[in-house]
Amino acid sequence: MLTRAGKSLLFAVSVVLCELMAGFFFAYSLSVVPALETLSASEYVTVLQEINA
């Protein structure tokens, strides 16, 4: 069983990790998505396949 301090620490770590993930997706949407909008459909598919590889 977790103590009160352990639960507080777990909660704090969870909040920080969620904030980091949100920041990563926000930065991605500000930097990568606008660049992808300038590509043609075939270039877009190629780039996304490379990103996901």
Protein backbone atom coordinates (compact mmCIF):
# COMPACT_ATOMS: atom_id res chain seq x y z
CA MET A 1 0.00 0.00 0.00
CA LEU A 2 1.24 3.47 -0.80
CA THR A 3 1.59 5.98 1.97
CA ARG A 4 0.15 9.46 1.70
CA ALA A 5 3.58 10.80 0.70
CA GLY A 6 3.93 8.05 -1.92
CA LYS A 7 0.56 8.88 -3.41
CA SER A 8 1.44 12.58 -3.54
CA LEU A 9 4.74 11.81 -5.25
CA LEU A 10 3.05 9.51 -7.76
CA PHE A 11 0.46 12.18 -8.50
CA ALA A 12 3.14 14.87 -8.97
CA VAL A 13 5.17 12.67 -11.31
CA SER A 14 2.04 11.85 -13.32
CA VAL A 15 1.15 15.53 -13.68
CA VAL A 16 4.68 16.45 -14.83
CA LEU A 17 4.75 13.63 -17.39
CA CYS A 18 1.35 14.64 -18.77
CA GLU A 19 2.56 18.23 -19.08
CA LEU A 20 5.66 17.08 -20.94
CA MET A 21 3.57 15.04 -23.37
CA ALA A 22 1.19 17.95 -23.94
CA GLY A 23 4.15 20.25 -24.58
CA PHE A 24 5.64 17.81 -27.06
CA PHE A 25 2.41 17.55 -29.06
CA PHE A 26 1.93 21.33 -28.93
CA ALA A 27 5.46 21.93 -30.24
CA TYR A 28 4.88 19.32 -32.97
CA SER A 29 1.67 21.01 -34.04
CA LEU A 30 3.40 24.40 -34.21
CA SER A 31 6.50 23.28 -36.08
CA VAL A 32 5.80 20.18 -38.17
CA VAL A 33 2.13 20.47 -39.14
CA PRO A 34 2.46 23.86 -40.92
CA ALA A 35 5.35 22.47 -42.97
CA LEU A 36 3.31 19.39 -43.90
CA GLU A 37 0.50 21.60 -45.19
CA THR A 38 2.79 22.88 -47.95
CA LEU A 39 3.40 19.41 -49.43
CA SER A 40 1.55 17.67 -52.21
CA ALA A 41 -0.42 14.53 -51.38
CA SER A 42 2.27 12.11 -52.53
CA GLU A 43 5.03 14.00 -50.69
CA TYR A 44 2.83 14.11 -47.58
CA VAL A 45 2.40 10.33 -47.59
CA THR A 46 6.13 9.77 -48.09
CA VAL A 47 7.06 12.12 -45.25
CA LEU A 48 4.57 10.58 -42.81
CA GLN A 49 5.80 7.10 -43.67
CA GLU A 50 9.36 8.22 -42.90
CA ILE A 51 8.25 9.83 -39.62
CA ASN A 52 6.45 6.63 -38.58
CA ALA A 53 9.28 4.31 -39.63
